[in-house]
PDB file of all heavy atoms in Angstrom:
ATOM      1  N   ALA A   1      72.459 287.613 144.278  1.00  0.00           N
ATOM      2  CA  ALA A   1      72.986 286.548 145.131  1.00  0.00           C
ATOM      3  C   ALA A   1      74.474 286.726 145.381  1.00  0.00           C
ATOM      4  O   ALA A   1      75.214 287.209 144.515  1.00  0.00           O
ATOM      5  CB  ALA A   1      72.737 285.191 144.489  1.00  0.00           C
ATOM      6  N   SER A   2      74.896 286.320 146.549  1.00  0.00           N
ATOM      7  CA  SER A   2      76.315 286.274 146.887  1.00  0.00           C
ATOM      8  C   SER A   2      76.579 284.992 147.655  1.00  0.00           C
ATOM      9  O   SER A   2      75.664 284.371 148.191  1.00  0.00           O
ATOM     10  CB  SER A   2      76.725 287.489 147.718  1.00  0.00           C
ATOM     11  OG  SER A   2      76.002 287.545 148.924  1.00  0.00           O
ATOM     12  N   GLY A   3      77.853 284.585 147.681  1.00  0.00           N
ATOM     13  CA  GLY A   3      78.234 283.408 148.434  1.00  0.00           C
ATOM     14  C   GLY A   3      77.937 282.094 147.744  1.00  0.00           C
ATOM     15  O   GLY A   3      77.937 281.041 148.383  1.00  0.00           O
ATOM     16  N   THR A   4      77.688 282.143 146.437  1.00  0.00           N
ATOM     17  CA  THR A   4      77.388 280.928 145.700  1.00  0.00           C
ATOM     18  C   THR A   4      77.929 281.035 144.286  1.00  0.00           C
ATOM     19  O   THR A   4      78.143 282.139 143.788  1.00  0.00           O
ATOM     20  CB  THR A   4      75.873 280.676 145.653  1.00  0.00           C
ATOM     21  OG1 THR A   4      75.612 279.523 144.845  1.00  0.00           O
ATOM     22  CG2 THR A   4      75.126 281.841 145.016  1.00  0.00           C
ATOM     23  N   THR A   5      78.148 279.871 143.666  1.00  0.00           N
ATOM     24  CA  THR A   5      78.515 279.855 142.253  1.00  0.00           C
ATOM     25  C   THR A   5      77.235 280.059 141.462  1.00  0.00           C
ATOM     26  O   THR A   5      76.561 279.111 141.059  1.00  0.00           O
ATOM     27  CB  THR A   5      79.192 278.524 141.887  1.00  0.00           C
ATOM     28  OG1 THR A   5      80.274 278.275 142.788  1.00  0.00           O
ATOM     29  CG2 THR A   5      79.715 278.576 140.470  1.00  0.00           C
ATOM     30  N   PHE A   6      76.917 281.293 141.237  1.00  0.00           N
ATOM     31  CA  PHE A   6      75.592 281.693 140.772  1.00  0.00           C
ATOM     32  C   PHE A   6      75.144 280.921 139.547  1.00  0.00           C
ATOM     33  O   PHE A   6      73.994 280.482 139.476  1.00  0.00           O
ATOM     34  CB  PHE A   6      75.607 283.190 140.477  1.00  0.00           C
ATOM     35  CG  PHE A   6      74.290 283.738 140.029  1.00  0.00           C
ATOM     36  CD1 PHE A   6      73.365 284.196 140.957  1.00  0.00           C
ATOM     37  CD2 PHE A   6      73.965 283.798 138.678  1.00  0.00           C
ATOM     38  CE1 PHE A   6      72.142 284.697 140.556  1.00  0.00           C
ATOM     39  CE2 PHE A   6      72.750 284.304 138.269  1.00  0.00           C
ATOM     40  CZ  PHE A   6      71.832 284.756 139.210  1.00  0.00           C
ATOM     41  N   SER A   7      76.029 280.740 138.589  1.00  0.00           N
ATOM     42  CA  SER A   7      75.608 280.219 137.288  1.00  0.00           C
ATOM     43  C   SER A   7      75.092 278.793 137.342  1.00  0.00           C
ATOM     44  O   SER A   7      74.392 278.359 136.425  1.00  0.00           O
ATOM     45  CB  SER A   7      76.762 280.314 136.293  1.00  0.00           C
ATOM     46  OG  SER A   7      77.852 279.525 136.734  1.00  0.00           O
ATOM     47  N   ILE A   8      75.408 278.062 138.390  1.00  0.00           N
ATOM     48  CA  ILE A   8      74.968 276.660 138.443  1.00  0.00           C
ATOM     49  C   ILE A   8      73.692 276.488 139.250  1.00  0.00           C
ATOM     50  O   ILE A   8      73.203 275.371 139.398  1.00  0.00           O
ATOM     51  CB  ILE A   8      76.075 275.743 139.015  1.00  0.00           C
ATOM     52  CG1 ILE A   8      76.311 276.034 140.503  1.00  0.00           C
ATOM     53  CG2 ILE A   8      77.346 275.863 138.204  1.00  0.00           C
ATOM     54  CD1 ILE A   8      77.226 275.015 141.148  1.00  0.00           C
ATOM     55  N   ASN A   9      73.174 277.589 139.764  1.00  0.00           N
ATOM     56  CA  ASN A   9      71.995 277.494 140.622  1.00  0.00           C
ATOM     57  C   ASN A   9      70.713 277.852 139.886  1.00  0.00           C
ATOM     58  O   ASN A   9      70.696 278.749 139.043  1.00  0.00           O
ATOM     59  CB  ASN A   9      72.127 278.454 141.813  1.00  0.00           C
ATOM     60  CG  ASN A   9      73.333 278.146 142.674  1.00  0.00           C
ATOM     61  OD1 ASN A   9      74.118 279.019 142.999  1.00  0.00           O
ATOM     62  ND2 ASN A   9      73.497 276.889 143.029  1.00  0.00           N
ATOM     63  N   GLY A  10      69.660 277.138 140.247  1.00  0.00           N
ATOM     64  CA  GLY A  10      68.333 277.558 139.841  1.00  0.00           C
ATOM     65  C   GLY A  10      67.753 278.475 140.901  1.00  0.00           C
ATOM     66  O   GLY A  10      68.159 278.434 142.068  1.00  0.00           O
ATOM     67  N   PHE A  11      66.814 279.319 140.497  1.00  0.00           N
ATOM     68  CA  PHE A  11      66.205 280.273 141.421  1.00  0.00           C
ATOM     69  C   PHE A  11      64.695 280.294 141.219  1.00  0.00           C
ATOM     70  O   PHE A  11      64.194 279.960 140.137  1.00  0.00           O
ATOM     71  CB  PHE A  11      66.768 281.686 141.199  1.00  0.00           C
ATOM     72  CG  PHE A  11      68.201 281.825 141.596  1.00  0.00           C
ATOM     73  CD1 PHE A  11      69.215 281.482 140.713  1.00  0.00           C
ATOM     74  CD2 PHE A  11      68.544 282.282 142.860  1.00  0.00           C
ATOM     75  CE1 PHE A  11      70.551 281.588 141.089  1.00  0.00           C
ATOM     76  CE2 PHE A  11      69.865 282.396 143.240  1.00  0.00           C
ATOM     77  CZ  PHE A  11      70.874 282.049 142.349  1.00  0.00           C
ATOM     78  N   ASN A  12      64.024 280.701 142.271  1.00  0.00           N
ATOM     79  CA  ASN A  12      62.574 280.782 142.242  1.00  0.00           C
ATOM     80  C   ASN A  12      62.118 282.121 142.810  1.00  0.00           C
ATOM     81  O   ASN A  12      62.769 282.675 143.704  1.00  0.00           O
ATOM     82  CB  ASN A  12      61.953 279.676 143.104  1.00  0.00           C
ATOM     83  CG  ASN A  12      62.526 278.317 142.800  1.00  0.00           C
ATOM     84  OD1 ASN A  12      62.367 277.809 141.699  1.00  0.00           O
ATOM     85  ND2 ASN A  12      63.217 277.722 143.772  1.00  0.00           N
ATOM     86  N   TRP A  13      61.013 282.600 142.304  1.00  0.00           N
ATOM     87  CA  TRP A  13      60.305 283.716 142.913  1.00  0.00           C
ATOM     88  C   TRP A  13      59.019 283.188 143.536  1.00  0.00           C
ATOM     89  O   TRP A  13      58.289 282.428 142.891  1.00  0.00           O
ATOM     90  CB  TRP A  13      59.963 284.786 141.890  1.00  0.00           C
ATOM     91  CG  TRP A  13      61.088 285.683 141.512  1.00  0.00           C
ATOM     92  CD1 TRP A  13      61.863 285.605 140.390  1.00  0.00           C
ATOM     93  CD2 TRP A  13      61.560 286.820 142.244  1.00  0.00           C
ATOM     94  NE1 TRP A  13      62.792 286.611 140.388  1.00  0.00           N
ATOM     95  CE2 TRP A  13      62.634 287.374 141.508  1.00  0.00           C
ATOM     96  CE3 TRP A  13      61.198 287.421 143.449  1.00  0.00           C
ATOM     97  CZ2 TRP A  13      63.337 288.506 141.939  1.00  0.00           C
ATOM     98  CZ3 TRP A  13      61.893 288.537 143.882  1.00  0.00           C
ATOM     99  CH2 TRP A  13      62.949 289.073 143.124  1.00  0.00           C
ATOM    100  N   TYR A  14      58.778 283.592 144.773  1.00  0.00           N
ATOM    101  CA  TYR A  14      57.540 283.303 145.479  1.00  0.00           C
ATOM    102  C   TYR A  14      56.899 284.629 145.881  1.00  0.00           C
ATOM    103  O   TYR A  14      57.550 285.674 145.879  1.00  0.00           O
ATOM    104  CB  TYR A  14      57.821 282.498 146.753  1.00  0.00           C
ATOM    105  CG  TYR A  14      58.050 281.034 146.543  1.00  0.00           C
ATOM    106  CD1 TYR A  14      59.255 280.555 146.046  1.00  0.00           C
ATOM    107  CD2 TYR A  14      57.060 280.108 146.863  1.00  0.00           C
ATOM    108  CE1 TYR A  14      59.466 279.196 145.868  1.00  0.00           C
ATOM    109  CE2 TYR A  14      57.259 278.745 146.692  1.00  0.00           C
ATOM    110  CZ  TYR A  14      58.466 278.300 146.204  1.00  0.00           C
ATOM    111  OH  TYR A  14      58.668 276.959 146.026  1.00  0.00           O
ATOM    112  N   ARG A  15      55.652 284.544 146.267  1.00  0.00           N
ATOM    113  CA  ARG A  15      55.003 285.724 146.826  1.00  0.00           C
ATOM    114  C   ARG A  15      54.047 285.294 147.935  1.00  0.00           C
ATOM    115  O   ARG A  15      53.544 284.169 147.934  1.00  0.00           O
ATOM    116  CB  ARG A  15      54.257 286.523 145.766  1.00  0.00           C
ATOM    117  CG  ARG A  15      53.034 285.832 145.191  1.00  0.00           C
ATOM    118  CD  ARG A  15      52.427 286.715 144.098  1.00  0.00           C
ATOM    119  NE  ARG A  15      51.197 286.138 143.562  1.00  0.00           N
ATOM    120  CZ  ARG A  15      50.509 286.680 142.562  1.00  0.00           C
ATOM    121  NH1 ARG A  15      50.933 287.814 141.986  1.00  0.00           N
ATOM    122  NH2 ARG A  15      49.406 286.105 142.129  1.00  0.00           N
ATOM    123  N   GLN A  16      53.826 286.215 148.848  1.00  0.00           N
ATOM    124  CA  GLN A  16      52.899 285.958 149.939  1.00  0.00           C
ATOM    125  C   GLN A  16      52.057 287.200 150.177  1.00  0.00           C
ATOM    126  O   GLN A  16      52.585 288.255 150.561  1.00  0.00           O
ATOM    127  CB  GLN A  16      53.630 285.562 151.215  1.00  0.00           C
ATOM    128  CG  GLN A  16      52.703 285.115 152.328  1.00  0.00           C
ATOM    129  CD  GLN A  16      53.428 284.399 153.445  1.00  0.00           C
ATOM    130  OE1 GLN A  16      54.642 284.539 153.610  1.00  0.00           O
ATOM    131  NE2 GLN A  16      52.703 283.629 154.223  1.00  0.00           N
ATOM    132  N   ALA A  17      50.769 287.050 149.935  1.00  0.00           N
ATOM    133  CA  ALA A  17      49.828 288.134 150.176  1.00  0.00           C
ATOM    134  C   ALA A  17      49.341 288.060 151.620  1.00  0.00           C
ATOM    135  O   ALA A  17      49.389 286.988 152.238  1.00  0.00           O
ATOM    136  CB  ALA A  17      48.654 288.025 149.209  1.00  0.00           C
ATOM    137  N   PRO A  18      48.857 289.153 152.161  1.00  0.00           N
ATOM    138  CA  PRO A  18      48.376 289.155 153.552  1.00  0.00           C
ATOM    139  C   PRO A  18      47.319 288.087 153.772  1.00  0.00           C
ATOM    140  O   PRO A  18      46.349 287.991 153.003  1.00  0.00           O
ATOM    141  CB  PRO A  18      47.792 290.554 153.711  1.00  0.00           C
ATOM    142  CG  PRO A  18      48.527 291.386 152.722  1.00  0.00           C
ATOM    143  CD  PRO A  18      48.781 290.488 151.552  1.00  0.00           C
ATOM    144  N   GLY A  19      47.519 287.271 154.781  1.00  0.00           N
ATOM    145  CA  GLY A  19      46.544 286.257 155.139  1.00  0.00           C
ATOM    146  C   GLY A  19      46.539 285.037 154.237  1.00  0.00           C
ATOM    147  O   GLY A  19      45.663 284.166 154.376  1.00  0.00           O
ATOM    148  N   LYS A  20      47.484 284.963 153.311  1.00  0.00           N
ATOM    149  CA  LYS A  20      47.518 283.833 152.380  1.00  0.00           C
ATOM    150  C   LYS A  20      48.840 283.081 152.488  1.00  0.00           C
ATOM    151  O   LYS A  20      49.827 283.597 153.016  1.00  0.00           O
ATOM    152  CB  LYS A  20      47.308 284.327 150.953  1.00  0.00           C
ATOM    153  CG  LYS A  20      45.940 284.924 150.700  1.00  0.00           C
ATOM    154  CD  LYS A  20      45.715 285.185 149.220  1.00  0.00           C
ATOM    155  CE  LYS A  20      44.323 285.692 148.964  1.00  0.00           C
ATOM    156  NZ  LYS A  20      44.081 285.927 147.513  1.00  0.00           N
ATOM    157  N   LYS A  21      48.838 281.872 151.969  1.00  0.00           N
ATOM    158  CA  LYS A  21      50.049 281.069 151.962  1.00  0.00           C
ATOM    159  C   LYS A  21      51.017 281.594 150.905  1.00  0.00           C
ATOM    160  O   LYS A  21      50.606 282.198 149.912  1.00  0.00           O
ATOM    161  CB  LYS A  21      49.716 279.602 151.648  1.00  0.00           C
ATOM    162  CG  LYS A  21      48.912 278.900 152.722  1.00  0.00           C
ATOM    163  CD  LYS A  21      48.661 277.448 152.333  1.00  0.00           C
ATOM    164  CE  LYS A  21      47.872 276.733 153.416  1.00  0.00           C
ATOM    165  NZ  LYS A  21      47.594 275.318 153.051  1.00  0.00           N
ATOM    166  N   ARG A  22      52.295 281.335 151.148  1.00  0.00           N
ATOM    167  CA  ARG A  22      53.296 281.693 150.162  1.00  0.00           C
ATOM    168  C   ARG A  22      53.097 280.820 148.924  1.00  0.00           C
ATOM    169  O   ARG A  22      52.920 279.603 149.032  1.00  0.00           O
ATOM    170  CB  ARG A  22      54.700 281.500 150.741  1.00  0.00           C
ATOM    171  CG  ARG A  22      55.808 282.143 149.955  1.00  0.00           C
ATOM    172  CD  ARG A  22      57.115 282.123 150.718  1.00  0.00           C
ATOM    173  NE  ARG A  22      57.058 282.953 151.918  1.00  0.00           N
ATOM    174  CZ  ARG A  22      58.118 283.266 152.644  1.00  0.00           C
ATOM    175  NH1 ARG A  22      59.311 282.813 152.298  1.00  0.00           N
ATOM    176  NH2 ARG A  22      57.977 284.018 153.722  1.00  0.00           N
ATOM    177  N   GLU A  23      53.149 281.418 147.743  1.00  0.00           N
ATOM    178  CA  GLU A  23      52.918 280.667 146.518  1.00  0.00           C
ATOM    179  C   GLU A  23      54.053 280.880 145.527  1.00  0.00           C
ATOM    180  O   GLU A  23      54.657 281.951 145.473  1.00  0.00           O
ATOM    181  CB  GLU A  23      51.583 281.067 145.878  1.00  0.00           C
ATOM    182  CG  GLU A  23      51.506 282.507 145.412  1.00  0.00           C
ATOM    183  CD  GLU A  23      50.224 282.825 144.652  1.00  0.00           C
ATOM    184  OE1 GLU A  23      49.468 281.889 144.306  1.00  0.00           O
ATOM    185  OE2 GLU A  23      49.976 284.020 144.390  1.00  0.00           O
ATOM    186  N   LEU A  24      54.286 279.836 144.736  1.00  0.00           N
ATOM    187  CA  LEU A  24      55.326 279.897 143.725  1.00  0.00           C
ATOM    188  C   LEU A  24      54.856 280.764 142.553  1.00  0.00           C
ATOM    189  O   LEU A  24      53.753 280.580 142.044  1.00  0.00           O
ATOM    190  CB  LEU A  24      55.665 278.491 143.241  1.00  0.00           C
ATOM    191  CG  LEU A  24      56.735 278.372 142.170  1.00  0.00           C
ATOM    192  CD1 LEU A  24      58.081 278.860 142.676  1.00  0.00           C
ATOM    193  CD2 LEU A  24      56.823 276.933 141.685  1.00  0.00           C
ATOM    194  N   VAL A  25      55.726 281.659 142.122  1.00  0.00           N
ATOM    195  CA  VAL A  25      55.418 282.545 141.003  1.00  0.00           C
ATOM    196  C   VAL A  25      56.108 282.064 139.731  1.00  0.00           C
ATOM    197  O   VAL A  25      55.472 281.900 138.690  1.00  0.00           O
ATOM    198  CB  VAL A  25      55.869 283.985 141.333  1.00  0.00           C
ATOM    199  CG1 VAL A  25      55.734 284.897 140.123  1.00  0.00           C
ATOM    200  CG2 VAL A  25      55.073 284.539 142.514  1.00  0.00           C
ATOM    201  N   ALA A  26      57.433 281.848 139.822  1.00  0.00           N
ATOM    202  CA  ALA A  26      58.200 281.489 138.632  1.00  0.00           C
ATOM    203  C   ALA A  26      59.501 280.839 139.045  1.00  0.00           C
ATOM    204  O   ALA A  26      60.008 281.087 140.146  1.00  0.00           O
ATOM    205  CB  ALA A  26      58.483 282.724 137.775  1.00  0.00           C
ATOM    206  N   THR A  27      60.038 280.027 138.140  1.00  0.00           N
ATOM    207  CA  THR A  27      61.321 279.376 138.376  1.00  0.00           C
ATOM    208  C   THR A  27      62.206 279.537 137.158  1.00  0.00           C
ATOM    209  O   THR A  27      61.715 279.644 136.025  1.00  0.00           O
ATOM    210  CB  THR A  27      61.156 277.879 138.675  1.00  0.00           C
ATOM    211  OG1 THR A  27      60.710 277.220 137.489  1.00  0.00           O
ATOM    212  CG2 THR A  27      60.151 277.634 139.780  1.00  0.00           C
ATOM    213  N   ILE A  28      63.503 279.531 137.385  1.00  0.00           N
ATOM    214  CA  ILE A  28      64.465 279.545 136.292  1.00  0.00           C
ATOM    215  C   ILE A  28      65.609 278.614 136.662  1.00  0.00           C
ATOM    216  O   ILE A  28      66.135 278.666 137.776  1.00  0.00           O
ATOM    217  CB  ILE A  28      64.951 280.970 135.975  1.00  0.00           C
ATOM    218  CG1 ILE A  28      65.785 280.973 134.688  1.00  0.00           C
ATOM    219  CG2 ILE A  28      65.712 281.593 137.143  1.00  0.00           C
ATOM    220  CD1 ILE A  28      65.962 282.366 134.087  1.00  0.00           C
ATOM    221  N   SER A  29      65.962 277.744 135.711  1.00  0.00           N
ATOM    222  CA  SER A  29      67.032 276.788 135.963  1.00  0.00           C
ATOM    223  C   SER A  29      68.386 277.415 135.668  1.00  0.00           C
ATOM    224  O   SER A  29      68.484 278.530 135.145  1.00  0.00           O
ATOM    225  CB  SER A  29      66.831 275.556 135.091  1.00  0.00           C
ATOM    226  OG  SER A  29      67.100 275.880 133.733  1.00  0.00           O
ATOM    227  N   SER A  30      69.436 276.657 135.956  1.00  0.00           N
ATOM    228  CA  SER A  30      70.782 277.150 135.656  1.00  0.00           C
ATOM    229  C   SER A  30      70.967 277.362 134.165  1.00  0.00           C
ATOM    230  O   SER A  30      71.719 278.248 133.743  1.00  0.00           O
ATOM    231  CB  SER A  30      71.832 276.167 136.187  1.00  0.00           C
ATOM    232  OG  SER A  30      71.646 274.886 135.607  1.00  0.00           O
ATOM    233  N   GLY A  31      70.243 276.588 133.365  1.00  0.00           N
ATOM    234  CA  GLY A  31      70.358 276.713 131.917  1.00  0.00           C
ATOM    235  C   GLY A  31      69.410 277.726 131.309  1.00  0.00           C
ATOM    236  O   GLY A  31      69.413 277.927 130.093  1.00  0.00           O
ATOM    237  N   GLY A  32      68.575 278.340 132.171  1.00  0.00           N
ATOM    238  CA  GLY A  32      67.671 279.373 131.681  1.00  0.00           C
ATOM    239  C   GLY A  32      66.264 278.897 131.367  1.00  0.00           C
ATOM    240  O   GLY A  32      65.434 279.691 130.912  1.00  0.00           O
ATOM    241  N   SER A  33      65.955 277.632 131.618  1.00  0.00           N
ATOM    242  CA  SER A  33      64.592 277.158 131.414  1.00  0.00           C
ATOM    243  C   SER A  33      63.681 277.775 132.465  1.00  0.00           C
ATOM    244  O   SER A  33      64.071 277.902 133.630  1.00  0.00           O
ATOM    245  CB  SER A  33      64.534 275.636 131.522  1.00  0.00           C
ATOM    246  OG  SER A  33      65.316 275.042 130.507  1.00  0.00           O
ATOM    247  N   THR A  34      62.478 278.128 132.051  1.00  0.00           N
ATOM    248  CA  THR A  34      61.570 278.844 132.943  1.00  0.00           C
ATOM    249  C   THR A  34      60.235 278.125 133.079  1.00  0.00           C
ATOM    250  O   THR A  34      59.795 277.403 132.171  1.00  0.00           O
ATOM    251  CB  THR A  34      61.319 280.270 132.437  1.00  0.00           C
ATOM    252  OG1 THR A  34      60.750 280.207 131.126  1.00  0.00           O
ATOM    253  CG2 THR A  34      62.609 281.064 132.383  1.00  0.00           C
ATOM    254  N   ASN A  35      59.604 278.345 134.220  1.00  0.00           N
ATOM    255  CA  ASN A  35      58.246 277.874 134.461  1.00  0.00           C
ATOM    256  C   ASN A  35      57.515 278.927 135.264  1.00  0.00           C
ATOM    257  O   ASN A  35      58.122 279.663 136.045  1.00  0.00           O
ATOM    258  CB  ASN A  35      58.249 276.542 135.219  1.00  0.00           C
ATOM    259  CG  ASN A  35      58.549 275.377 134.305  1.00  0.00           C
ATOM    260  OD1 ASN A  35      57.741 275.001 133.470  1.00  0.00           O
ATOM    261  ND2 ASN A  35      59.729 274.806 134.446  1.00  0.00           N
ATOM    262  N   TYR A  36      56.188 278.960 135.069  1.00  0.00           N
ATOM    263  CA  TYR A  36      55.373 279.971 135.722  1.00  0.00           C
ATOM    264  C   TYR A  36      54.126 279.360 136.316  1.00  0.00           C
ATOM    265  O   TYR A  36      53.616 278.345 135.823  1.00  0.00           O
ATOM    266  CB  TYR A  36      54.951 281.040 134.707  1.00  0.00           C
ATOM    267  CG  TYR A  36      56.101 281.760 134.074  1.00  0.00           C
ATOM    268  CD1 TYR A  36      56.666 281.302 132.892  1.00  0.00           C
ATOM    269  CD2 TYR A  36      56.628 282.912 134.658  1.00  0.00           C
ATOM    270  CE1 TYR A  36      57.745 281.949 132.316  1.00  0.00           C
ATOM    271  CE2 TYR A  36      57.696 283.571 134.083  1.00  0.00           C
ATOM    272  CZ  TYR A  36      58.254 283.087 132.920  1.00  0.00           C
ATOM    273  OH  TYR A  36      59.312 283.735 132.350  1.00  0.00           O
ATOM    274  N   ALA A  37      53.618 280.015 137.355  1.00  0.00           N
ATOM    275  CA  ALA A  37      52.282 279.678 137.828  1.00  0.00           C
ATOM    276  C   ALA A  37      51.317 279.941 136.678  1.00  0.00           C
ATOM    277  O   ALA A  37      51.431 280.956 135.975  1.00  0.00           O
ATOM    278  CB  ALA A  37      51.928 280.537 139.032  1.00  0.00           C
ATOM    279  N   ASP A  38      50.392 279.027 136.488  1.00  0.00           N
ATOM    280  CA  ASP A  38      49.478 279.126 135.343  1.00  0.00           C
ATOM    281  C   ASP A  38      48.759 280.474 135.301  1.00  0.00           C
ATOM    282  O   ASP A  38      48.567 281.048 134.223  1.00  0.00           O
ATOM    283  CB  ASP A  38      48.447 277.994 135.404  1.00  0.00           C
ATOM    284  CG  ASP A  38      49.049 276.645 135.040  1.00  0.00           C
ATOM    285  OD1 ASP A  38      50.136 276.632 134.436  1.00  0.00           O
ATOM    286  OD2 ASP A  38      48.426 275.624 135.366  1.00  0.00           O
ATOM    287  N   SER A  39      48.379 280.973 136.442  1.00  0.00           N
ATOM    288  CA  SER A  39      47.591 282.202 136.489  1.00  0.00           C
ATOM    289  C   SER A  39      48.402 283.441 136.113  1.00  0.00           C
ATOM    290  O   SER A  39      47.837 284.506 135.865  1.00  0.00           O
ATOM    291  CB  SER A  39      47.014 282.394 137.899  1.00  0.00           C
ATOM    292  OG  SER A  39      48.055 282.523 138.846  1.00  0.00           O
ATOM    293  N   LEU A  40      49.736 283.298 136.054  1.00  0.00           N
ATOM    294  CA  LEU A  40      50.594 284.455 135.804  1.00  0.00           C
ATOM    295  C   LEU A  40      51.255 284.425 134.429  1.00  0.00           C
ATOM    296  O   LEU A  40      51.927 285.391 134.049  1.00  0.00           O
ATOM    297  CB  LEU A  40      51.677 284.542 136.879  1.00  0.00           C
ATOM    298  CG  LEU A  40      51.159 284.678 138.303  1.00  0.00           C
ATOM    299  CD1 LEU A  40      52.307 284.639 139.294  1.00  0.00           C
ATOM    300  CD2 LEU A  40      50.360 285.952 138.472  1.00  0.00           C
ATOM    301  N   LYS A  41      51.081 283.333 133.716  1.00  0.00           N
ATOM    302  CA  LYS A  41      51.693 283.237 132.394  1.00  0.00           C
ATOM    303  C   LYS A  41      51.220 284.371 131.493  1.00  0.00           C
ATOM    304  O   LYS A  41      50.038 284.707 131.463  1.00  0.00           O
ATOM    305  CB  LYS A  41      51.334 281.891 131.755  1.00  0.00           C
ATOM    306  CG  LYS A  41      52.063 280.711 132.358  1.00  0.00           C
ATOM    307  CD  LYS A  41      51.664 279.401 131.672  1.00  0.00           C
ATOM    308  CE  LYS A  41      52.361 278.213 132.310  1.00  0.00           C
ATOM    309  NZ  LYS A  41      51.927 276.925 131.725  1.00  0.00           N
ATOM    310  N   GLY A  42      52.186 284.950 130.799  1.00  0.00           N
ATOM    311  CA  GLY A  42      51.856 286.033 129.890  1.00  0.00           C
ATOM    312  C   GLY A  42      52.013 287.413 130.496  1.00  0.00           C
ATOM    313  O   GLY A  42      52.129 288.398 129.769  1.00  0.00           O
TER     314      GLY A  42
END
């Protein structure tokens, strides 16, 4: 990332397969807390 105070931002990863809707994969907060799509945990 550029153009932002990176450390205070949360970020997300999404993915989009052909012919499918974009789906949330994982999130990370500014403090490092994480969450995952249930199907991808582990």
